[in-house]
PDB file of N, CA and C in Angstrom:
ATOM      1  N   MET A   1     159.858 130.757  51.707  1.00  0.00           N
ATOM      2  CA  MET A   1     160.577 129.540  51.422  1.00  0.00           C
ATOM      3  C   MET A   1     159.638 128.595  50.718  1.00  0.00           C
ATOM      4  N   THR A   2     160.083 128.057  49.644  1.00  0.00           N
ATOM      5  CA  THR A   2     159.205 127.061  48.888  1.00  0.00           C
ATOM      6  C   THR A   2     159.430 125.689  49.475  1.00  0.00           C
ATOM      7  N   LEU A   3     158.524 124.785  49.178  1.00  0.00           N
ATOM      8  CA  LEU A   3     158.628 123.393  49.649  1.00  0.00           C
ATOM      9  C   LEU A   3     159.927 122.815  49.153  1.00  0.00           C
ATOM     10  N   GLN A   4     160.279 123.055  47.830  1.00  0.00           N
ATOM     11  CA  GLN A   4     161.544 122.500  47.334  1.00  0.00           C
ATOM     12  C   GLN A   4     162.770 122.997  48.116  1.00  0.00           C
ATOM     13  N   GLU A   5     162.732 124.304  48.518  1.00  0.00           N
ATOM     14  CA  GLU A   5     163.841 124.834  49.310  1.00  0.00           C
ATOM     15  C   GLU A   5     163.968 124.136  50.636  1.00  0.00           C
ATOM     16  N   LEU A   6     162.795 123.814  51.245  1.00  0.00           N
ATOM     17  CA  LEU A   6     162.867 123.091  52.515  1.00  0.00           C
ATOM     18  C   LEU A   6     163.471 121.671  52.340  1.00  0.00           C
ATOM     19  N   LEU A   7     162.971 120.980  51.266  1.00  0.00           N
ATOM     20  CA  LEU A   7     163.462 119.637  50.979  1.00  0.00           C
ATOM     21  C   LEU A   7     164.949 119.648  50.737  1.00  0.00           C
ATOM     22  N   ASP A   8     165.396 120.654  49.893  1.00  0.00           N
ATOM     23  CA  ASP A   8     166.851 120.768  49.563  1.00  0.00           C
ATOM     24  C   ASP A   8     167.657 121.032  50.860  1.00  0.00           C
ATOM     25  N   ASN A   9     167.112 121.935  51.738  1.00  0.00           N
ATOM     26  CA  ASN A   9     167.795 122.285  52.955  1.00  0.00           C
ATOM     27  C   ASN A   9     168.045 121.077  53.863  1.00  0.00           C
ATOM     28  N   LEU A  10     166.990 120.243  54.001  1.00  0.00           N
ATOM     29  CA  LEU A  10     167.122 119.098  54.804  1.00  0.00           C
ATOM     30  C   LEU A  10     168.072 118.034  54.220  1.00  0.00           C
ATOM     31  N   MET A  11     168.096 117.948  52.883  1.00  0.00           N
ATOM     32  CA  MET A  11     169.030 117.005  52.217  1.00  0.00           C
ATOM     33  C   MET A  11     170.431 117.483  52.431  1.00  0.00           C
ATOM     34  N   GLU A  12     170.687 118.746  52.137  1.00  0.00           N
ATOM     35  CA  GLU A  12     172.015 119.305  52.175  1.00  0.00           C
ATOM     36  C   GLU A  12     172.659 119.265  53.600  1.00  0.00           C
ATOM     37  N   LYS A  13     171.858 119.747  54.610  1.00  0.00           N
ATOM     38  CA  LYS A  13     172.369 119.844  55.949  1.00  0.00           C
ATOM     39  C   LYS A  13     172.383 118.524  56.701  1.00  0.00           C
ATOM     40  N   TYR A  14     171.373 117.694  56.459  1.00  0.00           N
ATOM     41  CA  TYR A  14     171.217 116.457  57.316  1.00  0.00           C
ATOM     42  C   TYR A  14     171.191 115.188  56.520  1.00  0.00           C
ATOM     43  N   GLN A  15     171.309 115.210  55.212  1.00  0.00           N
ATOM     44  CA  GLN A  15     171.207 114.065  54.359  1.00  0.00           C
ATOM     45  C   GLN A  15     169.914 113.264  54.558  1.00  0.00           C
ATOM     46  N   LEU A  16     168.774 114.018  54.684  1.00  0.00           N
ATOM     47  CA  LEU A  16     167.499 113.426  54.913  1.00  0.00           C
ATOM     48  C   LEU A  16     166.615 113.771  53.741  1.00  0.00           C
ATOM     49  N   GLU A  17     165.904 112.747  53.207  1.00  0.00           N
ATOM     50  CA  GLU A  17     164.973 112.902  52.134  1.00  0.00           C
ATOM     51  C   GLU A  17     163.543 112.999  52.838  1.00  0.00           C
ATOM     52  N   VAL A  18     162.801 114.066  52.520  1.00  0.00           N
ATOM     53  CA  VAL A  18     161.497 114.190  53.106  1.00  0.00           C
ATOM     54  C   VAL A  18     160.515 113.249  52.459  1.00  0.00           C
ATOM     55  N   ILE A  19     159.845 112.451  53.265  1.00  0.00           N
ATOM     56  CA  ILE A  19     158.825 111.462  52.818  1.00  0.00           C
ATOM     57  C   ILE A  19     157.465 112.093  52.928  1.00  0.00           C
ATOM     58  N   MET A  20     157.252 112.816  54.048  1.00  0.00           N
ATOM     59  CA  MET A  20     155.935 113.412  54.383  1.00  0.00           C
ATOM     60  C   MET A  20     156.117 114.671  55.218  1.00  0.00           C
ATOM     61  N   LEU A  21     155.330 115.659  54.902  1.00  0.00           N
ATOM     62  CA  LEU A  21     155.334 116.968  55.659  1.00  0.00           C
ATOM     63  C   LEU A  21     153.884 117.183  56.127  1.00  0.00           C
ATOM     64  N   LEU A  22     153.764 117.357  57.439  1.00  0.00           N
ATOM     65  CA  LEU A  22     152.436 117.515  58.067  1.00  0.00           C
ATOM     66  C   LEU A  22     152.325 118.846  58.834  1.00  0.00           C
ATOM     67  N   TYR A  23     151.137 119.390  58.732  1.00  0.00           N
ATOM     68  CA  TYR A  23     150.797 120.620  59.548  1.00  0.00           C
ATOM     69  C   TYR A  23     149.487 120.297  60.276  1.00  0.00           C
ATOM     70  N   ASP A  24     149.433 120.350  61.558  1.00  0.00           N
ATOM     71  CA  ASP A  24     148.250 119.949  62.335  1.00  0.00           C
ATOM     72  C   ASP A  24     147.859 118.593  61.870  1.00  0.00           C
ATOM     73  N   ASP A  25     146.610 118.350  61.429  1.00  0.00           N
ATOM     74  CA  ASP A  25     146.205 117.036  60.994  1.00  0.00           C
ATOM     75  C   ASP A  25     146.141 116.907  59.490  1.00  0.00           C
ATOM     76  N   CYS A  26     146.930 117.780  58.792  1.00  0.00           N
ATOM     77  CA  CYS A  26     146.917 117.861  57.301  1.00  0.00           C
ATOM     78  C   CYS A  26     148.194 117.373  56.761  1.00  0.00           C
ATOM     79  N   ILE A  27     148.087 116.601  55.668  1.00  0.00           N
ATOM     80  CA  ILE A  27     149.330 116.169  54.942  1.00  0.00           C
ATOM     81  C   ILE A  27     149.585 117.255  53.848  1.00  0.00           C
ATOM     82  N   LEU A  28     150.638 117.997  53.996  1.00  0.00           N
ATOM     83  CA  LEU A  28     150.999 119.004  53.049  1.00  0.00           C
ATOM     84  C   LEU A  28     151.758 118.426  51.837  1.00  0.00           C
ATOM     85  N   TYR A  29     152.482 117.348  52.113  1.00  0.00           N
ATOM     86  CA  TYR A  29     153.324 116.753  51.038  1.00  0.00           C
ATOM     87  C   TYR A  29     153.532 115.313  51.387  1.00  0.00           C
ATOM     88  N   ASP A  30     153.348 114.488  50.378  1.00  0.00           N
ATOM     89  CA  ASP A  30     153.641 113.028  50.434  1.00  0.00           C
ATOM     90  C   ASP A  30     154.446 112.726  49.179  1.00  0.00           C
ATOM     91  N   TYR A  31     155.697 112.296  49.275  1.00  0.00           N
ATOM     92  CA  TYR A  31     156.473 112.147  48.143  1.00  0.00           C
ATOM     93  C   TYR A  31     155.925 111.102  47.120  1.00  0.00           C
ATOM     94  N   SER A  32     155.076 110.190  47.618  1.00  0.00           N
ATOM     95  CA  SER A  32     154.525 109.095  46.798  1.00  0.00           C
ATOM     96  C   SER A  32     153.315 109.525  45.962  1.00  0.00           C
ATOM     97  N   LEU A  33     152.832 110.749  46.220  1.00  0.00           N
ATOM     98  CA  LEU A  33     151.627 111.200  45.463  1.00  0.00           C
ATOM     99  C   LEU A  33     152.004 112.174  44.393  1.00  0.00           C
ATOM    100  N   PRO A  34     151.900 111.702  43.091  1.00  0.00           N
ATOM    101  CA  PRO A  34     152.275 112.555  41.990  1.00  0.00           C
ATOM    102  C   PRO A  34     151.669 113.963  42.002  1.00  0.00           C
ATOM    103  N   LYS A  35     150.440 114.127  42.431  1.00  0.00           N
ATOM    104  CA  LYS A  35     149.789 115.446  42.506  1.00  0.00           C
ATOM    105  C   LYS A  35     150.579 116.414  43.424  1.00  0.00           C
ATOM    106  N   HIS A  36     151.191 115.864  44.433  1.00  0.00           N
ATOM    107  CA  HIS A  36     151.902 116.689  45.362  1.00  0.00           C
ATOM    108  C   HIS A  36     153.191 117.271  44.841  1.00  0.00           C
ATOM    109  N   GLN A  37     153.658 116.764  43.745  1.00  0.00           N
ATOM    110  CA  GLN A  37     154.858 117.301  43.109  1.00  0.00           C
ATOM    111  C   GLN A  37     154.604 118.733  42.584  1.00  0.00           C
ATOM    112  N   GLU A  38     153.362 119.106  42.295  1.00  0.00           N
ATOM    113  CA  GLU A  38     153.031 120.511  41.856  1.00  0.00           C
ATOM    114  C   GLU A  38     153.273 121.479  42.960  1.00  0.00           C
ATOM    115  N   ARG A  39     153.279 121.001  44.232  1.00  0.00           N
ATOM    116  CA  ARG A  39     153.434 121.870  45.351  1.00  0.00           C
ATOM    117  C   ARG A  39     154.878 122.297  45.592  1.00  0.00           C
ATOM    118  N   LEU A  40     155.803 121.626  44.975  1.00  0.00           N
ATOM    119  CA  LEU A  40     157.223 121.879  45.230  1.00  0.00           C
ATOM    120  C   LEU A  40     157.613 123.380  44.969  1.00  0.00           C
ATOM    121  N   VAL A  41     157.025 124.010  44.036  1.00  0.00           N
ATOM    122  CA  VAL A  41     157.337 125.391  43.711  1.00  0.00           C
ATOM    123  C   VAL A  41     156.587 126.430  44.534  1.00  0.00           C
ATOM    124  N   LYS A  42     155.700 125.954  45.298  1.00  0.00           N
ATOM    125  CA  LYS A  42     154.861 126.859  46.112  1.00  0.00           C
ATOM    126  C   LYS A  42     155.519 127.124  47.481  1.00  0.00           C
ATOM    127  N   ARG A  43     155.233 128.353  48.041  1.00  0.00           N
ATOM    128  CA  ARG A  43     155.663 128.737  49.380  1.00  0.00           C
ATOM    129  C   ARG A  43     154.961 127.869  50.405  1.00  0.00           C
ATOM    130  N   LEU A  44     155.597 127.553  51.475  1.00  0.00           N
ATOM    131  CA  LEU A  44     155.023 126.740  52.501  1.00  0.00           C
ATOM    132  C   LEU A  44     153.706 127.356  53.049  1.00  0.00           C
ATOM    133  N   THR A  45     153.684 128.712  53.222  1.00  0.00           N
ATOM    134  CA  THR A  45     152.475 129.359  53.661  1.00  0.00           C
ATOM    135  C   THR A  45     151.315 129.182  52.711  1.00  0.00           C
ATOM    136  N   GLU A  46     151.645 129.220  51.368  1.00  0.00           N
ATOM    137  CA  GLU A  46     150.603 128.984  50.352  1.00  0.00           C
ATOM    138  C   GLU A  46     150.056 127.603  50.465  1.00  0.00           C
ATOM    139  N   ILE A  47     150.929 126.652  50.627  1.00  0.00           N
ATOM    140  CA  ILE A  47     150.459 125.184  50.752  1.00  0.00           C
ATOM    141  C   ILE A  47     149.574 125.030  52.014  1.00  0.00           C
ATOM    142  N   VAL A  48     149.931 125.567  53.097  1.00  0.00           N
ATOM    143  CA  VAL A  48     149.165 125.511  54.302  1.00  0.00           C
ATOM    144  C   VAL A  48     147.800 126.094  54.056  1.00  0.00           C
ATOM    145  N   LYS A  49     147.663 127.233  53.430  1.00  0.00           N
ATOM    146  CA  LYS A  49     146.357 127.832  53.111  1.00  0.00           C
ATOM    147  C   LYS A  49     145.574 126.975  52.131  1.00  0.00           C
ATOM    148  N   LEU A  50     146.244 126.422  51.119  1.00  0.00           N
ATOM    149  CA  LEU A  50     145.578 125.567  50.088  1.00  0.00           C
ATOM    150  C   LEU A  50     144.973 124.310  50.812  1.00  0.00           C
ATOM    151  N   VAL A  51     145.774 123.651  51.629  1.00  0.00           N
ATOM    152  CA  VAL A  51     145.366 122.364  52.148  1.00  0.00           C
ATOM    153  C   VAL A  51     144.359 122.525  53.303  1.00  0.00           C
ATOM    154  N   THR A  52     144.545 123.502  54.154  1.00  0.00           N
ATOM    155  CA  THR A  52     143.654 123.775  55.296  1.00  0.00           C
ATOM    156  C   THR A  52     142.397 124.508  54.901  1.00  0.00           C
ATOM    157  N   LYS A  53     142.449 125.180  53.713  1.00  0.00           N
ATOM    158  CA  LYS A  53     141.374 126.069  53.274  1.00  0.00           C
ATOM    159  C   LYS A  53     141.070 127.196  54.221  1.00  0.00           C
ATOM    160  N   LYS A  54     142.112 127.633  54.955  1.00  0.00           N
ATOM    161  CA  LYS A  54     141.965 128.735  55.900  1.00  0.00           C
ATOM    162  C   LYS A  54     143.144 129.658  55.707  1.00  0.00           C
ATOM    163  N   GLU A  55     142.916 130.877  56.096  1.00  0.00           N
ATOM    164  CA  GLU A  55     144.047 131.861  56.156  1.00  0.00           C
ATOM    165  C   GLU A  55     144.854 131.567  57.449  1.00  0.00           C
ATOM    166  N   ILE A  56     146.085 131.908  57.403  1.00  0.00           N
ATOM    167  CA  ILE A  56     146.932 131.757  58.582  1.00  0.00           C
ATOM    168  C   ILE A  56     146.610 132.940  59.485  1.00  0.00           C
ATOM    169  N   PRO A  57     146.281 132.657  60.768  1.00  0.00           N
ATOM    170  CA  PRO A  57     145.906 133.760  61.658  1.00  0.00           C
ATOM    171  C   PRO A  57     147.047 134.794  61.791  1.00  0.00           C
ATOM    172  N   ALA A  58     146.618 136.028  61.761  1.00  0.00           N
ATOM    173  CA  ALA A  58     147.615 137.141  61.786  1.00  0.00           C
ATOM    174  C   ALA A  58     148.561 137.159  62.973  1.00  0.00           C
ATOM    175  N   HIS A  59     148.120 136.613  64.145  1.00  0.00           N
ATOM    176  CA  HIS A  59     148.849 136.624  65.346  1.00  0.00           C
ATOM    177  C   HIS A  59     150.008 135.582  65.378  1.00  0.00           C
ATOM    178  N   LEU A  60     149.900 134.579  64.379  1.00  0.00           N
ATOM    179  CA  LEU A  60     151.000 133.560  64.383  1.00  0.00           C
ATOM    180  C   LEU A  60     152.281 134.094  63.896  1.00  0.00           C
ATOM    181  N   LYS A  61     153.335 133.712  64.588  1.00  0.00           N
ATOM    182  CA  LYS A  61     154.694 134.079  64.099  1.00  0.00           C
ATOM    183  C   LYS A  61     155.424 132.912  63.502  1.00  0.00           C
ATOM    184  N   PHE A  62     154.961 131.709  63.759  1.00  0.00           N
ATOM    185  CA  PHE A  62     155.590 130.519  63.210  1.00  0.00           C
ATOM    186  C   PHE A  62     154.585 129.372  63.024  1.00  0.00           C
ATOM    187  N   LEU A  63     154.935 128.535  62.136  1.00  0.00           N
ATOM    188  CA  LEU A  63     154.152 127.301  61.865  1.00  0.00           C
ATOM    189  C   LEU A  63     154.992 126.125  62.359  1.00  0.00           C
ATOM    190  N   MET A  64     154.356 125.113  62.892  1.00  0.00           N
ATOM    191  CA  MET A  64     155.098 123.953  63.320  1.00  0.00           C
ATOM    192  C   MET A  64     154.761 122.773  62.422  1.00  0.00           C
ATOM    193  N   PHE A  65     155.798 122.202  61.834  1.00  0.00           N
ATOM    194  CA  PHE A  65     155.626 121.044  60.958  1.00  0.00           C
ATOM    195  C   PHE A  65     156.193 119.767  61.484  1.00  0.00           C
ATOM    196  N   ALA A  66     155.516 118.711  61.294  1.00  0.00           N
ATOM    197  CA  ALA A  66     156.036 117.362  61.584  1.00  0.00           C
ATOM    198  C   ALA A  66     156.542 116.810  60.292  1.00  0.00           C
ATOM    199  N   ILE A  67     157.705 116.283  60.320  1.00  0.00           N
ATOM    200  CA  ILE A  67     158.330 115.798  59.048  1.00  0.00           C
ATOM    201  C   ILE A  67     158.842 114.352  59.261  1.00  0.00           C
ATOM    202  N   ILE A  68     158.451 113.448  58.312  1.00  0.00           N
ATOM    203  CA  ILE A  68     158.981 112.146  58.286  1.00  0.00           C
ATOM    204  C   ILE A  68     159.981 112.084  57.159  1.00  0.00           C
ATOM    205  N   CYS A  69     161.196 111.558  57.490  1.00  0.00           N
ATOM    206  CA  CYS A  69     162.278 111.602  56.508  1.00  0.00           C
ATOM    207  C   CYS A  69     162.801 110.155  56.363  1.00  0.00           C
ATOM    208  N   ARG A  70     163.695 110.012  55.323  1.00  0.00           N
ATOM    209  CA  ARG A  70     164.421 108.811  55.186  1.00  0.00           C
ATOM    210  C   ARG A  70     165.890 109.190  55.076  1.00  0.00           C
ATOM    211  N   ASP A  71     166.771 108.495  55.814  1.00  0.00           N
ATOM    212  CA  ASP A  71     168.159 108.823  55.702  1.00  0.00           C
ATOM    213  C   ASP A  71     168.735 108.119  54.479  1.00  0.00           C
ATOM    214  N   GLU A  72     169.978 108.441  54.131  1.00  0.00           N
ATOM    215  CA  GLU A  72     170.592 107.958  52.886  1.00  0.00           C
ATOM    216  C   GLU A  72     170.930 106.434  53.034  1.00  0.00           C
ATOM    217  N   GLY A  73     171.103 105.935  54.186  1.00  0.00           N
ATOM    218  CA  GLY A  73     171.442 104.547  54.430  1.00  0.00           C
ATOM    219  C   GLY A  73     172.896 104.288  54.019  1.00  0.00           C
ATOM    220  N   ASP A  74     173.325 103.108  54.330  1.00  0.00           N
ATOM    221  CA  ASP A  74     174.685 102.702  53.918  1.00  0.00           C
ATOM    222  C   ASP A  74     174.732 102.331  52.414  1.00  0.00           C
ATOM    223  N   GLU A  75     175.886 102.343  51.905  1.00  0.00           N
ATOM    224  CA  GLU A  75     176.025 102.091  50.469  1.00  0.00           C
ATOM    225  C   GLU A  75     175.433 100.733  50.072  1.00  0.00           C
ATOM    226  N   GLY A  76     174.559 100.777  49.080  1.00  0.00           N
ATOM    227  CA  GLY A  76     173.900  99.580  48.630  1.00  0.00           C
ATOM    228  C   GLY A  76     172.669  99.217  49.412  1.00  0.00           C
ATOM    229  N   GLU A  77     172.349  99.966  50.490  1.00  0.00           N
ATOM    230  CA  GLU A  77     171.188  99.644  51.284  1.00  0.00           C
ATOM    231  C   GLU A  77     170.228 100.796  51.261  1.00  0.00           C
ATOM    232  N   GLU A  78     168.957 100.465  51.378  1.00  0.00           N
ATOM    233  CA  GLU A  78     167.902 101.518  51.424  1.00  0.00           C
ATOM    234  C   GLU A  78     167.949 102.199  52.822  1.00  0.00           C
ATOM    235  N   GLY A  79     167.647 103.494  52.807  1.00  0.00           N
ATOM    236  CA  GLY A  79     167.676 104.251  54.005  1.00  0.00           C
ATOM    237  C   GLY A  79     166.458 103.868  54.937  1.00  0.00           C
ATOM    238  N   GLU A  80     166.588 104.299  56.197  1.00  0.00           N
ATOM    239  CA  GLU A  80     165.489 103.995  57.176  1.00  0.00           C
ATOM    240  C   GLU A  80     164.669 105.263  57.347  1.00  0.00           C
ATOM    241  N   ASP A  81     163.366 105.045  57.679  1.00  0.00           N
ATOM    242  CA  ASP A  81     162.531 106.193  58.022  1.00  0.00           C
ATOM    243  C   ASP A  81     162.993 106.805  59.280  1.00  0.00           C
ATOM    244  N   VAL A  82     162.986 108.143  59.364  1.00  0.00           N
ATOM    245  CA  VAL A  82     163.412 108.882  60.543  1.00  0.00           C
ATOM    246  C   VAL A  82     162.364 109.968  60.839  1.00  0.00           C
ATOM    247  N   ILE A  83     161.910 110.004  62.102  1.00  0.00           N
ATOM    248  CA  ILE A  83     161.081 111.142  62.515  1.00  0.00           C
ATOM    249  C   ILE A  83     161.896 112.138  63.231  1.00  0.00           C
ATOM    250  N   ILE A  84     161.969 113.356  62.698  1.00  0.00           N
ATOM    251  CA  ILE A  84     162.822 114.381  63.363  1.00  0.00           C
ATOM    252  C   ILE A  84     161.938 115.233  64.280  1.00  0.00           C
ATOM    253  N   PRO A  85     162.558 115.994  65.159  1.00  0.00           N
ATOM    254  CA  PRO A  85     161.810 116.863  65.981  1.00  0.00           C
ATOM    255  C   PRO A  85     160.992 117.917  65.162  1.00  0.00           C
ATOM    256  N   PRO A  86     159.885 118.421  65.719  1.00  0.00           N
ATOM    257  CA  PRO A  86     159.092 119.363  64.932  1.00  0.00           C
ATOM    258  C   PRO A  86     159.964 120.530  64.396  1.00  0.00           C
ATOM    259  N   VAL A  87     159.688 120.964  63.224  1.00  0.00           N
ATOM    260  CA  VAL A  87     160.369 122.045  62.656  1.00  0.00           C
ATOM    261  C   VAL A  87     159.495 123.317  62.791  1.00  0.00           C
ATOM    262  N   HIS A  88     160.074 124.399  63.394  1.00  0.00           N
ATOM    263  CA  HIS A  88     159.378 125.615  63.577  1.00  0.00           C
ATOM    264  C   HIS A  88     159.799 126.530  62.426  1.00  0.00           C
ATOM    265  N   TYR A  89     158.810 126.857  61.682  1.00  0.00           N
ATOM    266  CA  TYR A  89     158.968 127.741  60.466  1.00  0.00           C
ATOM    267  C   TYR A  89     158.532 129.145  60.774  1.00  0.00           C
ATOM    268  N   ARG A  90     159.488 130.013  61.012  1.00  0.00           N
ATOM    269  CA  ARG A  90     159.131 131.379  61.438  1.00  0.00           C
ATOM    270  C   ARG A  90     159.043 132.288  60.164  1.00  0.00           C
ATOM    271  N   PHE A  91     157.997 133.038  60.101  1.00  0.00           N
ATOM    272  CA  PHE A  91     157.812 133.963  58.997  1.00  0.00           C
ATOM    273  C   PHE A  91     157.422 135.300  59.544  1.00  0.00           C
ATOM    274  N   SER A  92     157.759 136.366  58.788  1.00  0.00           N
ATOM    275  CA  SER A  92     157.444 137.701  59.164  1.00  0.00           C
ATOM    276  C   SER A  92     157.268 138.578  57.978  1.00  0.00           C
ATOM    277  N   MET A  93     156.840 139.811  58.196  1.00  0.00           N
ATOM    278  CA  MET A  93     156.696 140.740  57.103  1.00  0.00           C
ATOM    279  C   MET A  93     158.010 141.057  56.435  1.00  0.00           C
ATOM    280  N   ASN A  94     159.145 140.951  57.203  1.00  0.00           N
ATOM    281  CA  ASN A  94     160.469 141.315  56.671  1.00  0.00           C
ATOM    282  C   ASN A  94     161.143 140.168  55.901  1.00  0.00           C
ATOM    283  N   GLY A  95     160.578 138.982  55.924  1.00  0.00           N
ATOM    284  CA  GLY A  95     161.140 137.876  55.302  1.00  0.00           C
ATOM    285  C   GLY A  95     160.778 136.592  56.035  1.00  0.00           C
ATOM    286  N   ILE A  96     161.241 135.495  55.561  1.00  0.00           N
ATOM    287  CA  ILE A  96     160.907 134.216  56.116  1.00  0.00           C
ATOM    288  C   ILE A  96     162.137 133.487  56.526  1.00  0.00           C
ATOM    289  N   GLN A  97     162.099 132.839  57.660  1.00  0.00           N
ATOM    290  CA  GLN A  97     163.241 132.110  58.190  1.00  0.00           C
ATOM    291  C   GLN A  97     162.885 130.673  58.443  1.00  0.00           C
ATOM    292  N   PHE A  98     163.916 129.814  58.331  1.00  0.00           N
ATOM    293  CA  PHE A  98     163.805 128.384  58.641  1.00  0.00           C
ATOM    294  C   PHE A  98     164.471 128.197  59.975  1.00  0.00           C
ATOM    295  N   GLN A  99     163.764 127.569  60.869  1.00  0.00           N
ATOM    296  CA  GLN A  99     164.343 127.370  62.232  1.00  0.00           C
ATOM    297  C   GLN A  99     163.976 125.971  62.736  1.00  0.00           C
ATOM    298  N   ASN A 100     165.019 125.263  63.154  1.00  0.00           N
ATOM    299  CA  ASN A 100     164.744 123.921  63.698  1.00  0.00           C
ATOM    300  C   ASN A 100     165.397 123.947  65.112  1.00  0.00           C
ATOM    301  N   PRO A 101     164.581 123.980  66.178  1.00  0.00           N
ATOM    302  CA  PRO A 101     165.116 124.120  67.546  1.00  0.00           C
ATOM    303  C   PRO A 101     165.973 122.962  67.964  1.00  0.00           C
TER     304      PRO A 101
END
């Protein structure tokens, strides 16, 4: 799954715009940083490796992301920041799945 696919998924299913995506103590994506726009086409696992400068340990079956979002707000009003529960991103050799417990 690419970063853009995750952003689209959260917008379509929950009407939430992703402001910031975090993994451990690393900021993987911040919508206000133009350089981060280049990451939209990359897979989430690639971004984790890029930012942490480490390989993902082979024993891991999922990554846990903290995500700060903004809701759509009422008509004519700006949305409010929303912190959602951690998103568990499960990946495997057979494919990658998006899972939010």
